[in-house]
């Protein structure tokens, strides 16, 4: 269960002044054609002495009009009372976002964002490629407000694993030319036969430092296995 939330946290990033980052819920806006968005990120969740986090680089390139190509290269850090601290490589992620609808007059847009999770982790015992098939939509309003959300189905092969649905919705507001704030709720079905569904809520902000740099962060409670924990995300973004 933790790995699915971490994967969402690590990849829901995009440039300032658009919806989506740094929230678990994604948005349909792709990277501008011919431009890069690179994020040095840390994302994790925990409960008491249990802790699971990823840190690394998220690379996004505008490969064509309405098309974003993404690769996420993480390291993983975990702690539990029995095994103590463990570190190693995480699961590499490859994705492509395609915005198939962009109606500027109505402020409505939508995209698909299929994502492959490769079993490259030296800590997790997963031995199968996973595939997430989501659809994301967004509505922009006058005054800098946006609502976006959606979800999808993840194919999660392996002994004891289950395929599952996930969904989320977020609302953001630009409070100045350089600062945006927002909140969200997200939900996911159980991903294994011995797991439970998971829900989370969070608040986040984007602070644009300059034309080429920004800080992104979010966090809040998460509920799984009938217990309450926490999740967080933070990154330094570079845009060129």
C-alpha atoms as a PDB file:
ATOM      1  CA  UNK A   1       0.000   0.000   0.000  1.00  0.00           C
ATOM      2  CA  UNK A   2       2.753   2.447   0.852  1.00  0.00           C
ATOM      3  CA  UNK A   3       4.469   1.953  -2.504  1.00  0.00           C
ATOM      4  CA  UNK A   4       1.361   3.045  -4.456  1.00  0.00           C
ATOM      5  CA  UNK A   5       1.007   6.297  -2.508  1.00  0.00           C
ATOM      6  CA  UNK A   6       4.729   7.021  -2.799  1.00  0.00           C
ATOM      7  CA  UNK A   7       4.584   6.473  -6.545  1.00  0.00           C
ATOM      8  CA  UNK A   8       1.768   8.992  -6.838  1.00  0.00           C
ATOM      9  CA  UNK A   9       3.553  11.525  -4.666  1.00  0.00           C
ATOM     10  CA  UNK A  10       6.784  11.230  -6.600  1.00  0.00           C
ATOM     11  CA  UNK A  11       5.305  11.869 -10.008  1.00  0.00           C
ATOM     12  CA  UNK A  12       2.526  14.411  -9.626  1.00  0.00           C
ATOM     13  CA  UNK A  13       4.752  17.337 -10.457  1.00  0.00           C
ATOM     14  CA  UNK A  14       4.601  20.067 -13.104  1.00  0.00           C
ATOM     15  CA  UNK A  15       5.503  23.701 -13.645  1.00  0.00           C
ATOM     16  CA  UNK A  16       4.269  26.516 -11.430  1.00  0.00           C
ATOM     17  CA  UNK A  17       1.069  28.332 -12.448  1.00  0.00           C
ATOM     18  CA  UNK A  18      -0.607  25.130 -13.655  1.00  0.00           C
ATOM     19  CA  UNK A  19      -2.705  22.719 -11.636  1.00  0.00           C
ATOM     20  CA  UNK A  20      -1.546  19.404 -10.236  1.00  0.00           C
ATOM     21  CA  UNK A  21       1.744  19.597  -8.387  1.00  0.00           C
ATOM     22  CA  UNK A  22       2.600  18.976  -5.647  1.00  0.00           C
ATOM     23  CA  UNK A  23      -0.555  16.983  -5.023  1.00  0.00           C
ATOM     24  CA  UNK A  24      -1.198  13.242  -5.250  1.00  0.00           C
ATOM     25  CA  UNK A  25      -3.962  14.053  -7.729  1.00  0.00           C
ATOM     26  CA  UNK A  26      -2.572  14.779 -11.181  1.00  0.00           C
ATOM     27  CA  UNK A  27      -3.663  17.271 -13.826  1.00  0.00           C
ATOM     28  CA  UNK A  28      -3.919  17.144 -17.646  1.00  0.00           C
ATOM     29  CA  UNK A  29      -1.425  19.934 -18.438  1.00  0.00           C
ATOM     30  CA  UNK A  30       1.713  18.625 -20.242  1.00  0.00           C
ATOM     31  CA  UNK A  31       5.154  20.190 -20.268  1.00  0.00           C
ATOM     32  CA  UNK A  32       5.472  22.832 -23.000  1.00  0.00           C
ATOM     33  CA  UNK A  33       6.792  21.494 -26.298  1.00  0.00           C
ATOM     34  CA  UNK A  34      10.596  21.484 -26.436  1.00  0.00           C
ATOM     35  CA  UNK A  35      10.959  22.393 -22.740  1.00  0.00           C
ATOM     36  CA  UNK A  36      12.143  20.514 -19.639  1.00  0.00           C
ATOM     37  CA  UNK A  37      10.808  20.329 -16.089  1.00  0.00           C
ATOM     38  CA  UNK A  38      13.235  18.633 -13.708  1.00  0.00           C
ATOM     39  CA  UNK A  39      12.461  18.040 -10.044  1.00  0.00           C
ATOM     40  CA  UNK A  40      14.719  17.036  -7.178  1.00  0.00           C
ATOM     41  CA  UNK A  41      12.070  15.541  -4.902  1.00  0.00           C
ATOM     42  CA  UNK A  42      11.475  13.754  -1.621  1.00  0.00           C
ATOM     43  CA  UNK A  43       8.155  12.041  -0.906  1.00  0.00           C
ATOM     44  CA  UNK A  44       7.067   9.671   1.795  1.00  0.00           C
ATOM     45  CA  UNK A  45       4.572   8.452   4.327  1.00  0.00           C
ATOM     46  CA  UNK A  46       4.723   6.942   7.771  1.00  0.00           C
ATOM     47  CA  UNK A  47       2.983   5.877  10.929  1.00  0.00           C
ATOM     48  CA  UNK A  48       4.771   5.970  14.290  1.00  0.00           C
ATOM     49  CA  UNK A  49       8.131   4.209  13.758  1.00  0.00           C
ATOM     50  CA  UNK A  50       7.192   2.917  10.291  1.00  0.00           C
ATOM     51  CA  UNK A  51       8.541   5.153   7.533  1.00  0.00           C
ATOM     52  CA  UNK A  52       8.804   4.780   3.753  1.00  0.00           C
ATOM     53  CA  UNK A  53      10.187   7.463   1.438  1.00  0.00           C
ATOM     54  CA  UNK A  54      11.592   8.043  -2.028  1.00  0.00           C
ATOM     55  CA  UNK A  55      14.039  10.740  -3.116  1.00  0.00           C
ATOM     56  CA  UNK A  56      15.416  11.345  -6.566  1.00  0.00           C
ATOM     57  CA  UNK A  57      14.870  13.054  -9.891  1.00  0.00           C
ATOM     58  CA  UNK A  58      11.696  13.434 -11.917  1.00  0.00           C
ATOM     59  CA  UNK A  59      12.362  14.295 -15.574  1.00  0.00           C
ATOM     60  CA  UNK A  60       9.634  15.714 -17.817  1.00  0.00           C
ATOM     61  CA  UNK A  61      10.062  16.758 -21.452  1.00  0.00           C
ATOM     62  CA  UNK A  62       7.571  18.277 -23.892  1.00  0.00           C
ATOM     63  CA  UNK A  63       8.124  15.904 -26.784  1.00  0.00           C
ATOM     64  CA  UNK A  64       5.399  17.333 -29.043  1.00  0.00           C
ATOM     65  CA  UNK A  65       2.256  19.433 -28.892  1.00  0.00           C
ATOM     66  CA  UNK A  66       0.130  18.163 -25.981  1.00  0.00           C
ATOM     67  CA  UNK A  67       2.622  15.334 -25.270  1.00  0.00           C
ATOM     68  CA  UNK A  68       4.813  15.001 -22.155  1.00  0.00           C
ATOM     69  CA  UNK A  69       7.421  12.264 -21.691  1.00  0.00           C
ATOM     70  CA  UNK A  70       8.322  11.395 -18.092  1.00  0.00           C
ATOM     71  CA  UNK A  71      10.986   9.333 -16.319  1.00  0.00           C
ATOM     72  CA  UNK A  72      11.316   9.089 -12.521  1.00  0.00           C
ATOM     73  CA  UNK A  73      14.572   7.831 -10.970  1.00  0.00           C
ATOM     74  CA  UNK A  74      14.170   7.248  -7.206  1.00  0.00           C
ATOM     75  CA  UNK A  75      16.132   5.985  -4.235  1.00  0.00           C
ATOM     76  CA  UNK A  76      14.144   4.372  -1.428  1.00  0.00           C
ATOM     77  CA  UNK A  77      14.467   4.721   2.365  1.00  0.00           C
ATOM     78  CA  UNK A  78      12.439   2.600   4.784  1.00  0.00           C
ATOM     79  CA  UNK A  79      12.312   2.029   8.530  1.00  0.00           C
ATOM     80  CA  UNK A  80      10.326  -0.414  10.633  1.00  0.00           C
ATOM     81  CA  UNK A  81      10.757  -1.745  14.187  1.00  0.00           C
ATOM     82  CA  UNK A  82      11.880  -5.213  13.037  1.00  0.00           C
ATOM     83  CA  UNK A  83      14.380  -4.421  10.257  1.00  0.00           C
ATOM     84  CA  UNK A  84      15.506  -0.901  11.172  1.00  0.00           C
ATOM     85  CA  UNK A  85      16.691   1.350   8.343  1.00  0.00           C
ATOM     86  CA  UNK A  86      17.115   0.089   4.791  1.00  0.00           C
ATOM     87  CA  UNK A  87      18.149   2.025   1.677  1.00  0.00           C
ATOM     88  CA  UNK A  88      18.396   1.120  -1.967  1.00  0.00           C
ATOM     89  CA  UNK A  89      17.150   1.804  -5.457  1.00  0.00           C
ATOM     90  CA  UNK A  90      13.457   2.368  -6.074  1.00  0.00           C
ATOM     91  CA  UNK A  91      11.185   1.415  -8.965  1.00  0.00           C
ATOM     92  CA  UNK A  92      11.972   3.390 -12.135  1.00  0.00           C
ATOM     93  CA  UNK A  93       8.870   4.885 -13.742  1.00  0.00           C
ATOM     94  CA  UNK A  94       8.269   5.680 -17.429  1.00  0.00           C
ATOM     95  CA  UNK A  95       5.173   7.572 -18.577  1.00  0.00           C
ATOM     96  CA  UNK A  96       3.627   9.619 -21.370  1.00  0.00           C
ATOM     97  CA  UNK A  97       0.927  12.244 -20.835  1.00  0.00           C
ATOM     98  CA  UNK A  98      -1.267  13.115 -23.838  1.00  0.00           C
ATOM     99  CA  UNK A  99      -3.777  15.966 -23.574  1.00  0.00           C
ATOM    100  CA  UNK A 100      -6.596  15.073 -25.949  1.00  0.00           C
ATOM    101  CA  UNK A 101      -8.880  17.979 -25.034  1.00  0.00           C
ATOM    102  CA  UNK A 102      -7.942  21.620 -24.418  1.00  0.00           C
ATOM    103  CA  UNK A 103     -10.840  24.069 -24.673  1.00  0.00           C
ATOM    104  CA  UNK A 104      -9.502  27.484 -23.713  1.00  0.00           C
ATOM    105  CA  UNK A 105     -12.919  29.146 -23.974  1.00  0.00           C
ATOM    106  CA  UNK A 106     -14.535  26.889 -21.365  1.00  0.00           C
ATOM    107  CA  UNK A 107     -11.339  26.346 -19.373  1.00  0.00           C
ATOM    108  CA  UNK A 108     -11.765  22.563 -19.584  1.00  0.00           C
ATOM    109  CA  UNK A 109      -9.009  20.087 -20.461  1.00  0.00           C
ATOM    110  CA  UNK A 110      -8.423  16.330 -20.210  1.00  0.00           C
ATOM    111  CA  UNK A 111      -5.540  13.910 -20.694  1.00  0.00           C
ATOM    112  CA  UNK A 112      -4.467  10.291 -20.398  1.00  0.00           C
ATOM    113  CA  UNK A 113      -1.207   9.515 -18.544  1.00  0.00           C
ATOM    114  CA  UNK A 114      -0.286   5.791 -18.784  1.00  0.00           C
ATOM    115  CA  UNK A 115       2.648   4.858 -16.555  1.00  0.00           C
ATOM    116  CA  UNK A 116       4.944   1.831 -16.282  1.00  0.00           C
ATOM    117  CA  UNK A 117       6.513   0.901 -12.926  1.00  0.00           C
ATOM    118  CA  UNK A 118       9.632  -1.180 -13.547  1.00  0.00           C
ATOM    119  CA  UNK A 119      10.694  -3.699 -10.830  1.00  0.00           C
ATOM    120  CA  UNK A 120      14.128  -2.120 -10.232  1.00  0.00           C
ATOM    121  CA  UNK A 121      13.817  -1.707  -6.444  1.00  0.00           C
ATOM    122  CA  UNK A 122      16.541  -3.364  -4.364  1.00  0.00           C
ATOM    123  CA  UNK A 123      14.278  -3.213  -1.272  1.00  0.00           C
ATOM    124  CA  UNK A 124      10.791  -4.099  -2.458  1.00  0.00           C
ATOM    125  CA  UNK A 125      10.220  -7.734  -3.397  1.00  0.00           C
ATOM    126  CA  UNK A 126       8.087  -6.925  -6.451  1.00  0.00           C
ATOM    127  CA  UNK A 127       9.174  -8.826  -9.548  1.00  0.00           C
ATOM    128  CA  UNK A 128       6.588  -7.685 -12.080  1.00  0.00           C
ATOM    129  CA  UNK A 129       6.038  -4.613 -14.252  1.00  0.00           C
ATOM    130  CA  UNK A 130       2.959  -2.663 -13.164  1.00  0.00           C
ATOM    131  CA  UNK A 131       0.824  -0.442 -15.404  1.00  0.00           C
ATOM    132  CA  UNK A 132      -1.341   2.516 -14.353  1.00  0.00           C
ATOM    133  CA  UNK A 133      -4.029   3.711 -16.796  1.00  0.00           C
ATOM    134  CA  UNK A 134      -5.503   7.028 -15.577  1.00  0.00           C
ATOM    135  CA  UNK A 135      -7.575   9.869 -17.039  1.00  0.00           C
ATOM    136  CA  UNK A 136      -7.223  13.395 -15.613  1.00  0.00           C
ATOM    137  CA  UNK A 137      -9.468  16.423 -16.196  1.00  0.00           C
ATOM    138  CA  UNK A 138      -9.359  20.082 -15.137  1.00  0.00           C
ATOM    139  CA  UNK A 139     -11.631  23.117 -15.078  1.00  0.00           C
ATOM    140  CA  UNK A 140     -10.145  26.612 -14.720  1.00  0.00           C
ATOM    141  CA  UNK A 141     -12.122  29.573 -13.397  1.00  0.00           C
ATOM    142  CA  UNK A 142     -11.689  33.329 -13.493  1.00  0.00           C
ATOM    143  CA  UNK A 143      -9.564  34.679 -10.675  1.00  0.00           C
ATOM    144  CA  UNK A 144      -6.956  31.920 -10.709  1.00  0.00           C
ATOM    145  CA  UNK A 145      -9.005  29.048  -9.238  1.00  0.00           C
ATOM    146  CA  UNK A 146      -8.887  25.495 -10.644  1.00  0.00           C
ATOM    147  CA  UNK A 147     -10.412  22.129  -9.851  1.00  0.00           C
ATOM    148  CA  UNK A 148      -8.859  18.976 -11.252  1.00  0.00           C
ATOM    149  CA  UNK A 149      -9.043  15.262 -10.668  1.00  0.00           C
ATOM    150  CA  UNK A 150      -9.803  11.848 -12.042  1.00  0.00           C
ATOM    151  CA  UNK A 151      -8.206   8.482 -11.538  1.00  0.00           C
ATOM    152  CA  UNK A 152      -7.543   5.156 -13.131  1.00  0.00           C
ATOM    153  CA  UNK A 153      -6.934   1.453 -12.927  1.00  0.00           C
ATOM    154  CA  UNK A 154      -3.599  -0.148 -12.052  1.00  0.00           C
ATOM    155  CA  UNK A 155      -2.641  -3.602 -13.298  1.00  0.00           C
ATOM    156  CA  UNK A 156      -0.676  -5.069 -10.404  1.00  0.00           C
ATOM    157  CA  UNK A 157       0.420  -8.662 -11.142  1.00  0.00           C
ATOM    158  CA  UNK A 158       2.117 -10.947  -8.651  1.00  0.00           C
ATOM    159  CA  UNK A 159       1.273 -13.471  -6.000  1.00  0.00           C
ATOM    160  CA  UNK A 160      -1.057 -11.978  -3.421  1.00  0.00           C
ATOM    161  CA  UNK A 161      -1.422  -8.708  -5.362  1.00  0.00           C
ATOM    162  CA  UNK A 162      -4.675  -7.225  -6.646  1.00  0.00           C
ATOM    163  CA  UNK A 163      -5.487  -4.894  -9.513  1.00  0.00           C
ATOM    164  CA  UNK A 164      -7.102  -1.754  -8.140  1.00  0.00           C
ATOM    165  CA  UNK A 165      -8.760   1.616  -8.803  1.00  0.00           C
ATOM    166  CA  UNK A 166      -7.590   4.970  -7.500  1.00  0.00           C
ATOM    167  CA  UNK A 167      -9.082   8.487  -7.660  1.00  0.00           C
ATOM    168  CA  UNK A 168      -8.551  12.013  -6.384  1.00  0.00           C
ATOM    169  CA  UNK A 169      -9.754  15.601  -6.615  1.00  0.00           C
ATOM    170  CA  UNK A 170      -7.958  18.875  -5.802  1.00  0.00           C
ATOM    171  CA  UNK A 171      -8.809  22.568  -5.699  1.00  0.00           C
ATOM    172  CA  UNK A 172      -6.153  25.294  -6.071  1.00  0.00           C
ATOM    173  CA  UNK A 173      -6.100  29.081  -5.921  1.00  0.00           C
ATOM    174  CA  UNK A 174      -3.458  31.537  -7.122  1.00  0.00           C
ATOM    175  CA  UNK A 175      -2.943  34.068  -4.316  1.00  0.00           C
ATOM    176  CA  UNK A 176      -0.310  36.046  -6.240  1.00  0.00           C
ATOM    177  CA  UNK A 177       1.786  35.756  -9.408  1.00  0.00           C
ATOM    178  CA  UNK A 178       4.304  33.624  -7.547  1.00  0.00           C
ATOM    179  CA  UNK A 179       2.250  31.683  -4.960  1.00  0.00           C
ATOM    180  CA  UNK A 180      -0.505  29.088  -5.343  1.00  0.00           C
ATOM    181  CA  UNK A 181      -2.187  27.098  -2.538  1.00  0.00           C
ATOM    182  CA  UNK A 182      -4.637  24.200  -2.547  1.00  0.00           C
ATOM    183  CA  UNK A 183      -6.094  21.116  -0.947  1.00  0.00           C
ATOM    184  CA  UNK A 184      -7.099  17.628  -2.033  1.00  0.00           C
ATOM    185  CA  UNK A 185      -8.554  14.266  -1.098  1.00  0.00           C
ATOM    186  CA  UNK A 186      -7.480  10.944  -2.651  1.00  0.00           C
ATOM    187  CA  UNK A 187      -8.566   7.310  -2.399  1.00  0.00           C
ATOM    188  CA  UNK A 188      -7.281   3.908  -3.485  1.00  0.00           C
ATOM    189  CA  UNK A 189      -8.622   0.368  -3.381  1.00  0.00           C
ATOM    190  CA  UNK A 190      -6.556  -2.301  -1.651  1.00  0.00           C
ATOM    191  CA  UNK A 191      -3.621  -3.495  -3.788  1.00  0.00           C
ATOM    192  CA  UNK A 192      -3.068  -6.862  -2.088  1.00  0.00           C
ATOM    193  CA  UNK A 193      -5.231  -9.610  -0.623  1.00  0.00           C
ATOM    194  CA  UNK A 194      -4.044  -8.805   2.914  1.00  0.00           C
ATOM    195  CA  UNK A 195      -4.296  -4.995   2.544  1.00  0.00           C
ATOM    196  CA  UNK A 196      -7.089  -2.459   2.994  1.00  0.00           C
ATOM    197  CA  UNK A 197      -8.140   0.557   0.962  1.00  0.00           C
ATOM    198  CA  UNK A 198      -6.372   3.864   1.643  1.00  0.00           C
ATOM    199  CA  UNK A 199      -7.560   7.476   1.813  1.00  0.00           C
ATOM    200  CA  UNK A 200      -5.612  10.692   2.264  1.00  0.00           C
ATOM    201  CA  UNK A 201      -6.085  14.434   2.519  1.00  0.00           C
ATOM    202  CA  UNK A 202      -3.570  17.207   2.131  1.00  0.00           C
ATOM    203  CA  UNK A 203      -2.698  20.866   1.769  1.00  0.00           C
ATOM    204  CA  UNK A 204      -0.026  22.149  -0.574  1.00  0.00           C
ATOM    205  CA  UNK A 205       1.635  25.202  -2.064  1.00  0.00           C
ATOM    206  CA  UNK A 206       3.820  26.274  -4.980  1.00  0.00           C
ATOM    207  CA  UNK A 207       6.254  29.166  -4.519  1.00  0.00           C
ATOM    208  CA  UNK A 208       7.817  30.461  -7.718  1.00  0.00           C
ATOM    209  CA  UNK A 209      11.313  31.737  -6.907  1.00  0.00           C
ATOM    210  CA  UNK A 210      12.123  32.943 -10.436  1.00  0.00           C
ATOM    211  CA  UNK A 211      11.322  32.147 -14.046  1.00  0.00           C
ATOM    212  CA  UNK A 212      13.370  28.957 -13.799  1.00  0.00           C
ATOM    213  CA  UNK A 213      13.017  27.787 -10.169  1.00  0.00           C
ATOM    214  CA  UNK A 214      10.189  26.937  -7.759  1.00  0.00           C
ATOM    215  CA  UNK A 215       9.555  25.200  -4.444  1.00  0.00           C
ATOM    216  CA  UNK A 216       6.659  22.734  -4.211  1.00  0.00           C
ATOM    217  CA  UNK A 217       5.413  21.032  -1.044  1.00  0.00           C
ATOM    218  CA  UNK A 218       2.337  19.295   0.383  1.00  0.00           C
ATOM    219  CA  UNK A 219       1.345  17.018   3.238  1.00  0.00           C
ATOM    220  CA  UNK A 220      -1.443  15.721   5.426  1.00  0.00           C
ATOM    221  CA  UNK A 221      -3.003  12.653   7.047  1.00  0.00           C
ATOM    222  CA  UNK A 222      -3.406   9.229   5.445  1.00  0.00           C
ATOM    223  CA  UNK A 223      -5.708   6.442   6.604  1.00  0.00           C
ATOM    224  CA  UNK A 224      -5.047   2.742   5.924  1.00  0.00           C
ATOM    225  CA  UNK A 225      -5.320  -0.534   7.839  1.00  0.00           C
ATOM    226  CA  UNK A 226      -7.783   1.245  10.190  1.00  0.00           C
ATOM    227  CA  UNK A 227      -4.965   3.520  11.407  1.00  0.00           C
ATOM    228  CA  UNK A 228      -3.915   7.119  10.786  1.00  0.00           C
ATOM    229  CA  UNK A 229      -0.524   8.095   9.402  1.00  0.00           C
ATOM    230  CA  UNK A 230       0.894  10.968   7.384  1.00  0.00           C
ATOM    231  CA  UNK A 231       2.268  11.736   3.931  1.00  0.00           C
ATOM    232  CA  UNK A 232       4.486  14.507   2.559  1.00  0.00           C
ATOM    233  CA  UNK A 233       6.027  15.762  -0.671  1.00  0.00           C
ATOM    234  CA  UNK A 234       8.666  18.424  -1.375  1.00  0.00           C
ATOM    235  CA  UNK A 235      10.722  19.364  -4.406  1.00  0.00           C
ATOM    236  CA  UNK A 236      12.905  21.972  -6.046  1.00  0.00           C
ATOM    237  CA  UNK A 237      11.821  22.474  -9.641  1.00  0.00           C
ATOM    238  CA  UNK A 238      13.990  23.609 -12.557  1.00  0.00           C
ATOM    239  CA  UNK A 239      12.300  24.791 -15.777  1.00  0.00           C
ATOM    240  CA  UNK A 240      14.003  25.568 -19.082  1.00  0.00           C
END
